[in-house]
Amino acid sequence: MLSYLIHAIVSLIAVMNPLGILPTYLALTSDASSGERRRIAKRAVINAFVILIIFLLIGHDVLAFFGITIQAFQIAGGILLFGIAYRLLNATPSYVQSPREDESNPKHDITLTPLALPIMAGPGTITTVMALSVGPDLVMHTTAVFFGVVIVLLTCYALFYYASWITGRISHTALNAITRLMGFILSIIAVQMALTGLHTVFPGWS
């Protein structure tokens, strides 16, 4: 279980890219005091946790309701994650990294949207959580992913808590390098995810 927990943590960190979303967090909370920033960080992380755990526990039932096989989800998820990885490799900011002025207003509740959804618990992260929970030992995989989500979100909270201090000591070039590294790791994870789904659909294919 430990090895799979590590795999889950690395996968979630790669797709969520906690360091990469720090500038977004700072922009969205630019007019907030230090105490308000910490309260926003706490609520946003809790919201993201609830969203991800809901999809972890009943996401597969939702797929079954719509007649979607987990193999199709893995293949589509791999393609989706590869698209995200490609943008990270090119250090291309998403729309959430250029927030509108009204979203920077501390009077606007940003803890659910856009901080929790889609910045932390976006389509890529939700896809990763659901795909990682699939395996021969459902309980073990689900437990590992659960703790992986907890650890990664606690990491996000710590980074948000010390956001001003961290960004003041990491150059823009270094942040871009970290983003590209996360993109490379995520591209490998995406390809493996799609291959796993394809191998199940076409067992004779190698």
N, C-alpha and C. Protein backbone atom coordinates (compact mmCIF):
# COMPACT_ATOMS: atom_id res chain seq x y z
N MET A 1 0.83 -1.21 0.00
CA MET A 1 0.00 0.00 0.00
C MET A 1 0.86 1.26 0.00
N LEU A 2 2.02 1.20 0.66
CA LEU A 2 2.88 2.37 0.74
C LEU A 2 3.32 2.83 -0.64
N SER A 3 3.71 1.88 -1.49
CA SER A 3 4.17 2.24 -2.83
C SER A 3 3.04 2.88 -3.63
N TYR A 4 1.82 2.36 -3.47
CA TYR A 4 0.69 2.93 -4.21
C TYR A 4 0.31 4.30 -3.64
N LEU A 5 0.47 4.48 -2.33
CA LEU A 5 0.22 5.78 -1.72
C LEU A 5 1.18 6.82 -2.29
N ILE A 6 2.45 6.44 -2.41
CA ILE A 6 3.45 7.34 -2.99
C ILE A 6 3.08 7.67 -4.44
N HIS A 7 2.66 6.64 -5.18
CA HIS A 7 2.23 6.85 -6.57
C HIS A 7 1.06 7.82 -6.63
N ALA A 8 0.10 7.67 -5.74
CA ALA A 8 -1.07 8.55 -5.71
C ALA A 8 -0.66 9.99 -5.38
N ILE A 9 0.24 10.14 -4.41
CA ILE A 9 0.69 11.48 -4.02
C ILE A 9 1.40 12.17 -5.17
N VAL A 10 2.33 11.45 -5.82
CA VAL A 10 3.07 12.03 -6.95
C VAL A 10 2.12 12.41 -8.08
N SER A 11 1.16 11.54 -8.36
CA SER A 11 0.20 11.81 -9.43
C SER A 11 -0.64 13.05 -9.13
N LEU A 12 -1.12 13.15 -7.90
CA LEU A 12 -1.97 14.28 -7.52
C LEU A 12 -1.18 15.59 -7.48
N ILE A 13 0.06 15.53 -7.00
CA ILE A 13 0.89 16.73 -6.98
C ILE A 13 1.17 17.20 -8.40
N ALA A 14 1.42 16.23 -9.30
CA ALA A 14 1.71 16.59 -10.69
C ALA A 14 0.53 17.27 -11.36
N VAL A 15 -0.67 16.73 -11.14
CA VAL A 15 -1.84 17.30 -11.82
C VAL A 15 -2.34 18.57 -11.12
N MET A 16 -2.21 18.64 -9.80
CA MET A 16 -2.69 19.82 -9.07
C MET A 16 -1.67 20.95 -9.12
N ASN A 17 -0.38 20.59 -9.12
CA ASN A 17 0.72 21.56 -9.21
C ASN A 17 0.58 22.67 -8.16
N PRO A 18 0.71 22.33 -6.87
CA PRO A 18 0.50 23.32 -5.79
C PRO A 18 1.33 24.58 -5.93
N LEU A 19 2.62 24.45 -6.30
CA LEU A 19 3.45 25.64 -6.45
C LEU A 19 2.97 26.51 -7.61
N GLY A 20 2.49 25.85 -8.66
CA GLY A 20 2.05 26.58 -9.84
C GLY A 20 0.81 27.42 -9.61
N ILE A 21 -0.01 27.04 -8.61
CA ILE A 21 -1.24 27.81 -8.36
C ILE A 21 -1.06 28.88 -7.29
N LEU A 22 0.15 28.98 -6.74
CA LEU A 22 0.41 30.03 -5.75
C LEU A 22 0.16 31.44 -6.29
N PRO A 23 0.67 31.76 -7.51
CA PRO A 23 0.41 33.11 -8.03
C PRO A 23 -1.08 33.40 -8.16
N THR A 24 -1.88 32.38 -8.53
CA THR A 24 -3.33 32.56 -8.64
C THR A 24 -3.93 32.87 -7.29
N TYR A 25 -3.51 32.11 -6.28
CA TYR A 25 -4.01 32.31 -4.92
C TYR A 25 -3.68 33.72 -4.44
N LEU A 26 -2.46 34.16 -4.69
CA LEU A 26 -2.04 35.50 -4.25
C LEU A 26 -2.84 36.58 -4.97
N ALA A 27 -3.11 36.37 -6.27
CA ALA A 27 -3.87 37.35 -7.03
C ALA A 27 -5.31 37.44 -6.53
N LEU A 28 -5.89 36.29 -6.23
CA LEU A 28 -7.28 36.26 -5.77
C LEU A 28 -7.44 36.84 -4.38
N THR A 29 -6.36 36.83 -3.60
CA THR A 29 -6.42 37.33 -2.22
C THR A 29 -5.55 38.58 -2.03
N SER A 30 -5.33 39.30 -3.13
CA SER A 30 -4.40 40.43 -3.09
C SER A 30 -4.82 41.52 -2.11
N ASP A 31 -6.12 41.71 -1.91
CA ASP A 31 -6.61 42.77 -1.02
C ASP A 31 -6.96 42.25 0.38
N ALA A 32 -6.70 40.98 0.63
CA ALA A 32 -7.05 40.38 1.92
C ALA A 32 -5.89 40.52 2.90
N SER A 33 -6.22 40.58 4.17
CA SER A 33 -5.19 40.63 5.20
C SER A 33 -4.59 39.24 5.38
N SER A 34 -3.52 39.17 6.16
CA SER A 34 -2.87 37.89 6.40
C SER A 34 -3.83 36.89 7.04
N GLY A 35 -4.60 37.36 8.02
CA GLY A 35 -5.56 36.48 8.68
C GLY A 35 -6.66 36.02 7.74
N GLU A 36 -7.14 36.94 6.89
CA GLU A 36 -8.18 36.58 5.93
C GLU A 36 -7.67 35.56 4.92
N ARG A 37 -6.41 35.74 4.49
CA ARG A 37 -5.82 34.78 3.55
C ARG A 37 -5.79 33.38 4.14
N ARG A 38 -5.45 33.29 5.41
CA ARG A 38 -5.37 31.97 6.04
C ARG A 38 -6.76 31.35 6.19
N ARG A 39 -7.75 32.16 6.48
CA ARG A 39 -9.12 31.64 6.56
C ARG A 39 -9.61 31.17 5.19
N ILE A 40 -9.28 31.95 4.17
CA ILE A 40 -9.65 31.57 2.81
C ILE A 40 -8.98 30.26 2.42
N ALA A 41 -7.69 30.14 2.76
CA ALA A 41 -6.94 28.91 2.43
C ALA A 41 -7.57 27.70 3.10
N LYS A 42 -7.93 27.84 4.37
CA LYS A 42 -8.52 26.72 5.11
C LYS A 42 -9.85 26.29 4.50
N ARG A 43 -10.71 27.25 4.21
CA ARG A 43 -12.03 26.91 3.66
C ARG A 43 -11.91 26.33 2.26
N ALA A 44 -10.98 26.87 1.47
CA ALA A 44 -10.81 26.37 0.10
C ALA A 44 -10.32 24.93 0.10
N VAL A 45 -9.38 24.62 0.99
CA VAL A 45 -8.85 23.26 1.08
C VAL A 45 -9.94 22.29 1.54
N ILE A 46 -10.74 22.71 2.52
CA ILE A 46 -11.85 21.85 2.99
C ILE A 46 -12.85 21.60 1.86
N ASN A 47 -13.18 22.65 1.11
CA ASN A 47 -14.11 22.49 -0.02
C ASN A 47 -13.55 21.53 -1.06
N ALA A 48 -12.26 21.68 -1.38
CA ALA A 48 -11.63 20.80 -2.36
C ALA A 48 -11.63 19.35 -1.87
N PHE A 49 -11.38 19.17 -0.57
CA PHE A 49 -11.38 17.82 0.02
C PHE A 49 -12.76 17.17 -0.14
N VAL A 50 -13.81 17.91 0.19
CA VAL A 50 -15.17 17.36 0.09
C VAL A 50 -15.48 16.96 -1.35
N ILE A 51 -15.13 17.82 -2.30
CA ILE A 51 -15.40 17.54 -3.71
C ILE A 51 -14.68 16.27 -4.16
N LEU A 52 -13.39 16.17 -3.84
CA LEU A 52 -12.59 15.03 -4.30
C LEU A 52 -13.04 13.73 -3.65
N ILE A 53 -13.38 13.78 -2.37
CA ILE A 53 -13.80 12.56 -1.67
C ILE A 53 -15.16 12.09 -2.19
N ILE A 54 -16.03 13.02 -2.52
CA ILE A 54 -17.33 12.63 -3.11
C ILE A 54 -17.11 11.86 -4.40
N PHE A 55 -16.22 12.38 -5.26
CA PHE A 55 -15.95 11.69 -6.52
C PHE A 55 -15.19 10.39 -6.29
N LEU A 56 -14.36 10.34 -5.26
CA LEU A 56 -13.63 9.11 -4.94
C LEU A 56 -14.60 8.01 -4.53
N LEU A 57 -15.61 8.35 -3.74
CA LEU A 57 -16.51 7.34 -3.17
C LEU A 57 -17.67 6.97 -4.08
N ILE A 58 -18.23 7.93 -4.79
CA ILE A 58 -19.41 7.61 -5.61
C ILE A 58 -19.22 7.93 -7.09
N GLY A 59 -18.01 8.33 -7.45
CA GLY A 59 -17.75 8.65 -8.85
C GLY A 59 -18.01 7.49 -9.79
N HIS A 60 -17.63 6.29 -9.34
CA HIS A 60 -17.82 5.10 -10.18
C HIS A 60 -19.30 4.76 -10.33
N ASP A 61 -20.09 5.03 -9.30
CA ASP A 61 -21.54 4.82 -9.40
C ASP A 61 -22.15 5.77 -10.42
N VAL A 62 -21.61 6.99 -10.46
CA VAL A 62 -22.09 7.96 -11.45
C VAL A 62 -21.77 7.47 -12.86
N LEU A 63 -20.56 6.93 -13.03
CA LEU A 63 -20.18 6.38 -14.34
C LEU A 63 -21.10 5.23 -14.73
N ALA A 64 -21.37 4.35 -13.77
CA ALA A 64 -22.24 3.20 -14.04
C ALA A 64 -23.65 3.65 -14.42
N PHE A 65 -24.11 4.71 -13.76
CA PHE A 65 -25.45 5.23 -14.05
C PHE A 65 -25.56 5.67 -15.51
N PHE A 66 -24.48 6.27 -16.01
CA PHE A 66 -24.48 6.75 -17.40
C PHE A 66 -23.97 5.69 -18.38
N GLY A 67 -23.68 4.49 -17.87
CA GLY A 67 -23.23 3.41 -18.74
C GLY A 67 -21.82 3.58 -19.26
N ILE A 68 -20.98 4.27 -18.49
CA ILE A 68 -19.59 4.51 -18.89
C ILE A 68 -18.69 3.50 -18.18
N THR A 69 -17.89 2.78 -18.94
CA THR A 69 -16.98 1.80 -18.34
C THR A 69 -15.76 2.52 -17.78
N ILE A 70 -15.14 1.89 -16.80
CA ILE A 70 -13.95 2.50 -16.20
C ILE A 70 -12.80 2.54 -17.20
N GLN A 71 -12.79 1.58 -18.15
CA GLN A 71 -11.75 1.59 -19.17
C GLN A 71 -11.88 2.82 -20.07
N ALA A 72 -13.12 3.14 -20.44
CA ALA A 72 -13.35 4.34 -21.24
C ALA A 72 -12.94 5.59 -20.46
N PHE A 73 -13.22 5.57 -19.16
CA PHE A 73 -12.86 6.70 -18.31
C PHE A 73 -11.34 6.84 -18.22
N GLN A 74 -10.63 5.71 -18.11
CA GLN A 74 -9.18 5.75 -18.02
C GLN A 74 -8.57 6.29 -19.31
N ILE A 75 -9.10 5.83 -20.46
CA ILE A 75 -8.57 6.30 -21.74
C ILE A 75 -8.85 7.79 -21.92
N ALA A 76 -10.10 8.19 -21.67
CA ALA A 76 -10.45 9.61 -21.81
C ALA A 76 -9.70 10.46 -20.78
N GLY A 77 -9.56 9.92 -19.57
CA GLY A 77 -8.81 10.64 -18.53
C GLY A 77 -7.36 10.82 -18.90
N GLY A 78 -6.77 9.79 -19.49
CA GLY A 78 -5.38 9.89 -19.93
C GLY A 78 -5.20 10.96 -20.99
N ILE A 79 -6.16 11.03 -21.93
CA ILE A 79 -6.10 12.06 -22.97
C ILE A 79 -6.25 13.45 -22.36
N LEU A 80 -7.20 13.59 -21.43
CA LEU A 80 -7.42 14.87 -20.75
C LEU A 80 -6.18 15.31 -19.98
N LEU A 81 -5.59 14.38 -19.22
CA LEU A 81 -4.41 14.71 -18.43
C LEU A 81 -3.23 15.05 -19.33
N PHE A 82 -3.13 14.38 -20.48
CA PHE A 82 -2.02 14.68 -21.39
C PHE A 82 -2.16 16.10 -21.93
N GLY A 83 -3.41 16.53 -22.18
CA GLY A 83 -3.63 17.90 -22.62
C GLY A 83 -3.19 18.91 -21.57
N ILE A 84 -3.50 18.61 -20.30
CA ILE A 84 -3.06 19.47 -19.20
C ILE A 84 -1.54 19.47 -19.10
N ALA A 85 -0.95 18.27 -19.24
CA ALA A 85 0.51 18.13 -19.17
C ALA A 85 1.18 18.94 -20.28
N TYR A 86 0.59 18.92 -21.47
CA TYR A 86 1.15 19.67 -22.60
C TYR A 86 1.19 21.16 -22.30
N ARG A 87 0.11 21.67 -21.71
CA ARG A 87 0.07 23.10 -21.36
C ARG A 87 1.10 23.42 -20.27
N LEU A 88 1.25 22.50 -19.31
CA LEU A 88 2.24 22.72 -18.26
C LEU A 88 3.66 22.71 -18.83
N LEU A 89 3.92 21.80 -19.77
CA LEU A 89 5.25 21.72 -20.38
C LEU A 89 5.59 23.00 -21.13
N ASN A 90 4.57 23.65 -21.66
CA ASN A 90 4.78 24.91 -22.37
C ASN A 90 4.58 26.12 -21.47
N ALA A 91 4.37 25.83 -20.16
CA ALA A 91 4.17 26.89 -19.17
C ALA A 91 3.07 27.84 -19.59
N THR A 92 1.99 27.25 -20.15
CA THR A 92 0.85 28.05 -20.59
C THR A 92 -0.13 28.21 -19.45
N PRO A 93 -0.42 29.43 -19.01
CA PRO A 93 -1.37 29.63 -17.92
C PRO A 93 -2.79 29.30 -18.36
N SER A 94 -3.57 28.75 -17.46
CA SER A 94 -4.97 28.48 -17.75
C SER A 94 -5.77 29.73 -17.44
N TYR A 95 -7.07 29.65 -17.77
CA TYR A 95 -7.90 30.83 -17.53
C TYR A 95 -7.99 31.18 -16.06
N VAL A 96 -7.79 30.19 -15.18
CA VAL A 96 -7.90 30.49 -13.76
C VAL A 96 -6.66 31.18 -13.24
N GLN A 97 -5.60 31.27 -14.04
CA GLN A 97 -4.40 31.94 -13.60
C GLN A 97 -4.38 33.41 -14.02
N SER A 98 -5.47 33.85 -14.60
CA SER A 98 -5.63 35.25 -14.95
C SER A 98 -7.00 35.71 -14.46
N PRO A 99 -7.19 35.76 -13.15
CA PRO A 99 -8.51 36.06 -12.60
C PRO A 99 -8.97 37.45 -12.94
N ARG A 100 -10.28 37.60 -13.10
CA ARG A 100 -10.85 38.91 -13.37
C ARG A 100 -10.79 39.76 -12.11
N GLU A 101 -10.89 41.05 -12.27
CA GLU A 101 -10.74 41.95 -11.14
C GLU A 101 -11.79 41.71 -10.09
N ASP A 102 -13.02 41.37 -10.51
CA ASP A 102 -14.07 41.19 -9.52
C ASP A 102 -13.85 39.95 -8.68
N GLU A 103 -13.06 38.98 -9.21
CA GLU A 103 -12.75 37.78 -8.44
C GLU A 103 -11.68 38.06 -7.40
N SER A 104 -10.93 39.17 -7.59
CA SER A 104 -9.90 39.52 -6.62
C SER A 104 -10.50 40.25 -5.42
N ASN A 105 -11.76 40.58 -5.48
CA ASN A 105 -12.44 41.28 -4.40
C ASN A 105 -12.66 40.32 -3.23
N PRO A 106 -12.10 40.62 -2.05
CA PRO A 106 -12.27 39.72 -0.92
C PRO A 106 -13.72 39.54 -0.50
N LYS A 107 -14.63 40.44 -0.96
CA LYS A 107 -16.04 40.29 -0.62
C LYS A 107 -16.67 39.15 -1.42
N HIS A 108 -16.02 38.78 -2.53
CA HIS A 108 -16.51 37.68 -3.34
C HIS A 108 -15.98 36.38 -2.74
N ASP A 109 -16.88 35.42 -2.46
CA ASP A 109 -16.46 34.16 -1.85
C ASP A 109 -15.76 33.31 -2.88
N ILE A 110 -14.44 33.26 -2.78
CA ILE A 110 -13.64 32.52 -3.75
C ILE A 110 -13.22 31.15 -3.23
N THR A 111 -13.68 30.78 -2.03
CA THR A 111 -13.22 29.52 -1.44
C THR A 111 -13.78 28.30 -2.15
N LEU A 112 -14.97 28.43 -2.76
CA LEU A 112 -15.52 27.30 -3.53
C LEU A 112 -15.13 27.42 -4.99
N THR A 113 -15.48 28.55 -5.58
CA THR A 113 -15.04 28.84 -6.95
C THR A 113 -14.38 30.21 -6.97
N PRO A 114 -13.19 30.34 -7.54
CA PRO A 114 -12.50 29.32 -8.31
C PRO A 114 -11.43 28.53 -7.55
N LEU A 115 -11.19 28.82 -6.26
CA LEU A 115 -10.07 28.17 -5.58
C LEU A 115 -10.23 26.66 -5.46
N ALA A 116 -11.35 26.22 -4.87
CA ALA A 116 -11.55 24.77 -4.72
C ALA A 116 -11.86 24.13 -6.07
N LEU A 117 -12.80 24.72 -6.78
CA LEU A 117 -13.23 24.22 -8.08
C LEU A 117 -13.22 25.37 -9.07
N PRO A 118 -12.35 25.37 -10.11
CA PRO A 118 -11.60 24.22 -10.61
C PRO A 118 -10.10 24.22 -10.32
N ILE A 119 -9.59 25.17 -9.49
CA ILE A 119 -8.14 25.26 -9.36
C ILE A 119 -7.55 24.03 -8.67
N MET A 120 -8.08 23.64 -7.51
CA MET A 120 -7.54 22.47 -6.81
C MET A 120 -8.24 21.18 -7.19
N ALA A 121 -9.55 21.23 -7.29
CA ALA A 121 -10.32 20.02 -7.62
C ALA A 121 -10.93 20.17 -9.00
N GLY A 122 -10.08 20.38 -9.98
CA GLY A 122 -10.55 20.53 -11.35
C GLY A 122 -10.77 19.19 -12.03
N PRO A 123 -11.14 19.21 -13.31
CA PRO A 123 -11.40 17.96 -14.04
C PRO A 123 -10.22 16.99 -14.02
N GLY A 124 -9.01 17.53 -14.17
CA GLY A 124 -7.84 16.66 -14.16
C GLY A 124 -7.64 15.96 -12.83
N THR A 125 -7.80 16.70 -11.74
CA THR A 125 -7.63 16.11 -10.41
C THR A 125 -8.72 15.10 -10.11
N ILE A 126 -9.96 15.43 -10.47
CA ILE A 126 -11.07 14.50 -10.26
C ILE A 126 -10.86 13.22 -11.07
N THR A 127 -10.42 13.39 -12.32
CA THR A 127 -10.13 12.22 -13.16
C THR A 127 -9.06 11.35 -12.54
N THR A 128 -8.00 11.99 -12.04
CA THR A 128 -6.90 11.24 -11.44
C THR A 128 -7.36 10.48 -10.21
N VAL A 129 -8.13 11.12 -9.35
CA VAL A 129 -8.64 10.47 -8.13
C VAL A 129 -9.46 9.24 -8.47
N MET A 130 -10.36 9.37 -9.43
CA MET A 130 -11.22 8.25 -9.79
C MET A 130 -10.44 7.13 -10.47
N ALA A 131 -9.52 7.50 -11.35
CA ALA A 131 -8.74 6.48 -12.07
C ALA A 131 -7.81 5.73 -11.13
N LEU A 132 -7.21 6.42 -10.17
CA LEU A 132 -6.28 5.78 -9.24
C LEU A 132 -6.99 4.83 -8.28
N SER A 133 -8.28 5.05 -8.05
CA SER A 133 -9.01 4.19 -7.11
C SER A 133 -9.39 2.84 -7.71
N VAL A 134 -9.13 2.68 -9.01
CA VAL A 134 -9.46 1.42 -9.69
C VAL A 134 -8.32 0.43 -9.52
N GLY A 135 -8.65 -0.81 -9.22
CA GLY A 135 -7.63 -1.84 -9.09
C GLY A 135 -8.20 -3.12 -8.54
N PRO A 136 -7.39 -4.18 -8.51
CA PRO A 136 -7.88 -5.47 -8.01
C PRO A 136 -8.29 -5.43 -6.54
N ASP A 137 -7.61 -4.57 -5.76
CA ASP A 137 -7.94 -4.42 -4.34
C ASP A 137 -8.57 -3.05 -4.15
N LEU A 138 -9.89 -2.99 -4.30
CA LEU A 138 -10.60 -1.70 -4.28
C LEU A 138 -10.41 -0.96 -2.96
N VAL A 139 -10.46 -1.69 -1.85
CA VAL A 139 -10.33 -1.06 -0.54
C VAL A 139 -8.95 -0.44 -0.38
N MET A 140 -7.91 -1.18 -0.77
CA MET A 140 -6.55 -0.68 -0.63
C MET A 140 -6.32 0.54 -1.51
N HIS A 141 -6.77 0.46 -2.77
CA HIS A 141 -6.59 1.57 -3.70
C HIS A 141 -7.35 2.81 -3.23
N THR A 142 -8.58 2.62 -2.79
CA THR A 142 -9.39 3.75 -2.33
C THR A 142 -8.78 4.39 -1.08
N THR A 143 -8.30 3.54 -0.16
CA THR A 143 -7.67 4.05 1.07
C THR A 143 -6.41 4.84 0.75
N ALA A 144 -5.59 4.30 -0.17
CA ALA A 144 -4.35 4.98 -0.55
C ALA A 144 -4.64 6.33 -1.19
N VAL A 145 -5.64 6.37 -2.06
CA VAL A 145 -6.00 7.63 -2.72
C VAL A 145 -6.56 8.62 -1.70
N PHE A 146 -7.36 8.13 -0.75
CA PHE A 146 -7.92 9.00 0.29
C PHE A 146 -6.80 9.71 1.04
N PHE A 147 -5.82 8.93 1.52
CA PHE A 147 -4.71 9.54 2.26
C PHE A 147 -3.84 10.39 1.35
N GLY A 148 -3.75 10.01 0.07
CA GLY A 148 -3.01 10.83 -0.88
C GLY A 148 -3.65 12.20 -1.04
N VAL A 149 -4.98 12.22 -1.13
CA VAL A 149 -5.72 13.49 -1.23
C VAL A 149 -5.48 14.34 0.01
N VAL A 150 -5.55 13.71 1.19
CA VAL A 150 -5.34 14.44 2.44
C VAL A 150 -3.95 15.06 2.48
N ILE A 151 -2.93 14.28 2.13
CA ILE A 151 -1.55 14.76 2.19
C ILE A 151 -1.31 15.90 1.20
N VAL A 152 -1.80 15.74 -0.02
CA VAL A 152 -1.59 16.77 -1.04
C VAL A 152 -2.33 18.06 -0.69
N LEU A 153 -3.55 17.94 -0.18
CA LEU A 153 -4.30 19.15 0.19
C LEU A 153 -3.70 19.83 1.42
N LEU A 154 -3.14 19.05 2.34
CA LEU A 154 -2.42 19.66 3.46
C LEU A 154 -1.18 20.40 2.96
N THR A 155 -0.54 19.85 1.93
CA THR A 155 0.60 20.52 1.31
C THR A 155 0.15 21.84 0.69
N CYS A 156 -0.99 21.81 0.00
CA CYS A 156 -1.55 23.04 -0.57
C CYS A 156 -1.82 24.08 0.51
N TYR A 157 -2.39 23.63 1.62
CA TYR A 157 -2.70 24.56 2.71
C TYR A 157 -1.42 25.19 3.27
N ALA A 158 -0.39 24.36 3.44
CA ALA A 158 0.88 24.88 3.96
C ALA A 158 1.47 25.91 2.99
N LEU A 159 1.40 25.62 1.69
CA LEU A 159 1.92 26.56 0.70
C LEU A 159 1.11 27.85 0.68
N PHE A 160 -0.22 27.73 0.78
CA PHE A 160 -1.06 28.93 0.83
C PHE A 160 -0.77 29.74 2.10
N TYR A 161 -0.56 29.03 3.20
CA TYR A 161 -0.32 29.68 4.49
C TYR A 161 0.94 30.55 4.43
N TYR A 162 1.98 30.02 3.74
CA TYR A 162 3.25 30.74 3.63
C TYR A 162 3.46 31.29 2.21
N ALA A 163 2.37 31.55 1.49
CA ALA A 163 2.45 31.93 0.08
C ALA A 163 3.33 33.15 -0.16
N SER A 164 3.11 34.21 0.61
CA SER A 164 3.87 35.45 0.41
C SER A 164 5.35 35.22 0.63
N TRP A 165 5.68 34.46 1.66
CA TRP A 165 7.10 34.19 1.98
C TRP A 165 7.74 33.34 0.89
N ILE A 166 7.02 32.33 0.39
CA ILE A 166 7.57 31.42 -0.62
C ILE A 166 7.80 32.13 -1.94
N THR A 167 6.78 32.85 -2.43
CA THR A 167 6.91 33.51 -3.73
C THR A 167 7.95 34.62 -3.70
N GLY A 168 8.22 35.15 -2.52
CA GLY A 168 9.25 36.18 -2.40
C GLY A 168 10.66 35.62 -2.51
N ARG A 169 10.79 34.30 -2.42
CA ARG A 169 12.10 33.65 -2.45
C ARG A 169 12.30 32.71 -3.63
N ILE A 170 11.24 32.52 -4.44
CA ILE A 170 11.35 31.69 -5.64
C ILE A 170 11.12 32.58 -6.85
N SER A 171 12.07 32.58 -7.76
CA SER A 171 11.97 33.44 -8.94
C SER A 171 10.91 32.92 -9.90
N HIS A 172 10.50 33.79 -10.80
CA HIS A 172 9.51 33.40 -11.81
C HIS A 172 10.06 32.28 -12.70
N THR A 173 11.37 32.35 -12.97
CA THR A 173 12.02 31.31 -13.78
C THR A 173 11.95 29.96 -13.08
N ALA A 174 12.18 29.96 -11.77
CA ALA A 174 12.14 28.71 -11.01
C ALA A 174 10.72 28.13 -11.00
N LEU A 175 9.71 29.00 -10.85
CA LEU A 175 8.32 28.53 -10.88
C LEU A 175 7.98 27.91 -12.23
N ASN A 176 8.48 28.53 -13.31
CA ASN A 176 8.24 27.98 -14.64
C ASN A 176 8.92 26.62 -14.80
N ALA A 177 10.13 26.49 -14.24
CA ALA A 177 10.85 25.22 -14.33
C ALA A 177 10.10 24.12 -13.57
N ILE A 178 9.58 24.46 -12.40
CA ILE A 178 8.81 23.49 -11.60
C ILE A 178 7.54 23.10 -12.35
N THR A 179 6.89 24.08 -12.97
CA THR A 179 5.67 23.80 -13.73
C THR A 179 5.96 22.84 -14.88
N ARG A 180 7.06 23.06 -15.59
CA ARG A 180 7.42 22.18 -16.71
C ARG A 180 7.76 20.77 -16.21
N LEU A 181 8.43 20.69 -15.07
CA LEU A 181 8.75 19.38 -14.51
C LEU A 181 7.47 18.63 -14.15
N MET A 182 6.51 19.32 -13.53
CA MET A 182 5.24 18.69 -13.21
C MET A 182 4.51 18.25 -14.48
N GLY A 183 4.65 19.04 -15.54
CA GLY A 183 4.04 18.67 -16.81
C GLY A 183 4.64 17.42 -17.40
N PHE A 184 5.96 17.27 -17.29
CA PHE A 184 6.63 16.07 -17.80
C PHE A 184 6.18 14.83 -17.03
N ILE A 185 6.15 14.95 -15.70
CA ILE A 185 5.71 13.81 -14.88
C ILE A 185 4.26 13.46 -15.19
N LEU A 186 3.43 14.48 -15.33
CA LEU A 186 2.02 14.25 -15.60
C LEU A 186 1.80 13.60 -16.96
N SER A 187 2.63 13.96 -17.95
CA SER A 187 2.48 13.35 -19.28
C SER A 187 2.75 11.86 -19.23
N ILE A 188 3.73 11.44 -18.43
CA ILE A 188 4.03 10.02 -18.27
C ILE A 188 2.86 9.30 -17.60
N ILE A 189 2.33 9.92 -16.55
CA ILE A 189 1.18 9.34 -15.84
C ILE A 189 -0.02 9.22 -16.78
N ALA A 190 -0.24 10.24 -17.61
CA ALA A 190 -1.37 10.25 -18.53
C ALA A 190 -1.27 9.12 -19.55
N VAL A 191 -0.08 8.95 -20.12
CA VAL A 191 0.13 7.88 -21.11
C VAL A 191 -0.10 6.52 -20.47
N GLN A 192 0.45 6.33 -19.25
CA GLN A 192 0.27 5.05 -18.57
C GLN A 192 -1.20 4.79 -18.25
N MET A 193 -1.93 5.83 -17.87
CA MET A 193 -3.35 5.68 -17.56
C MET A 193 -4.12 5.22 -18.80
N ALA A 194 -3.85 5.86 -19.94
CA ALA A 194 -4.53 5.50 -21.19
C ALA A 194 -4.15 4.09 -21.63
N LEU A 195 -2.87 3.73 -21.49
CA LEU A 195 -2.41 2.39 -21.86
C LEU A 195 -3.07 1.32 -21.01
N THR A 196 -3.27 1.60 -19.73
CA THR A 196 -3.94 0.64 -18.84
C THR A 196 -5.36 0.37 -19.32
N GLY A 197 -6.07 1.42 -19.68
CA GLY A 197 -7.42 1.25 -20.19
C GLY A 197 -7.45 0.50 -21.51
N LEU A 198 -6.52 0.82 -22.41
CA LEU A 198 -6.45 0.15 -23.71
C LEU A 198 -6.09 -1.33 -23.56
N HIS A 199 -5.18 -1.61 -22.64
CA HIS A 199 -4.76 -3.00 -22.42
C HIS A 199 -5.92 -3.85 -21.91
N THR A 200 -6.79 -3.27 -21.10
CA THR A 200 -7.96 -4.00 -20.60
C THR A 200 -8.97 -4.25 -21.70
N VAL A 201 -9.16 -3.25 -22.57
CA VAL A 201 -10.11 -3.39 -23.68
C VAL A 201 -9.58 -4.36 -24.73
N PHE A 202 -8.26 -4.27 -24.99
CA PHE A 202 -7.61 -5.15 -25.97
C PHE A 202 -6.53 -5.96 -25.28
N PRO A 203 -6.91 -7.02 -24.56
CA PRO A 203 -5.95 -7.80 -23.77
C PRO A 203 -4.83 -8.42 -24.59
N GLY A 204 -5.07 -8.66 -25.88
CA GLY A 204 -4.03 -9.25 -26.71
C GLY A 204 -3.08 -8.24 -27.29
N TRP A 205 -3.38 -6.94 -27.03
CA TRP A 205 -2.54 -5.88 -27.59
C TRP A 205 -1.36 -5.59 -26.67
N SER A 206 -0.21 -5.45 -27.24
CA SER A 206 0.97 -5.14 -26.43
C SER A 206 1.88 -4.21 -27.21
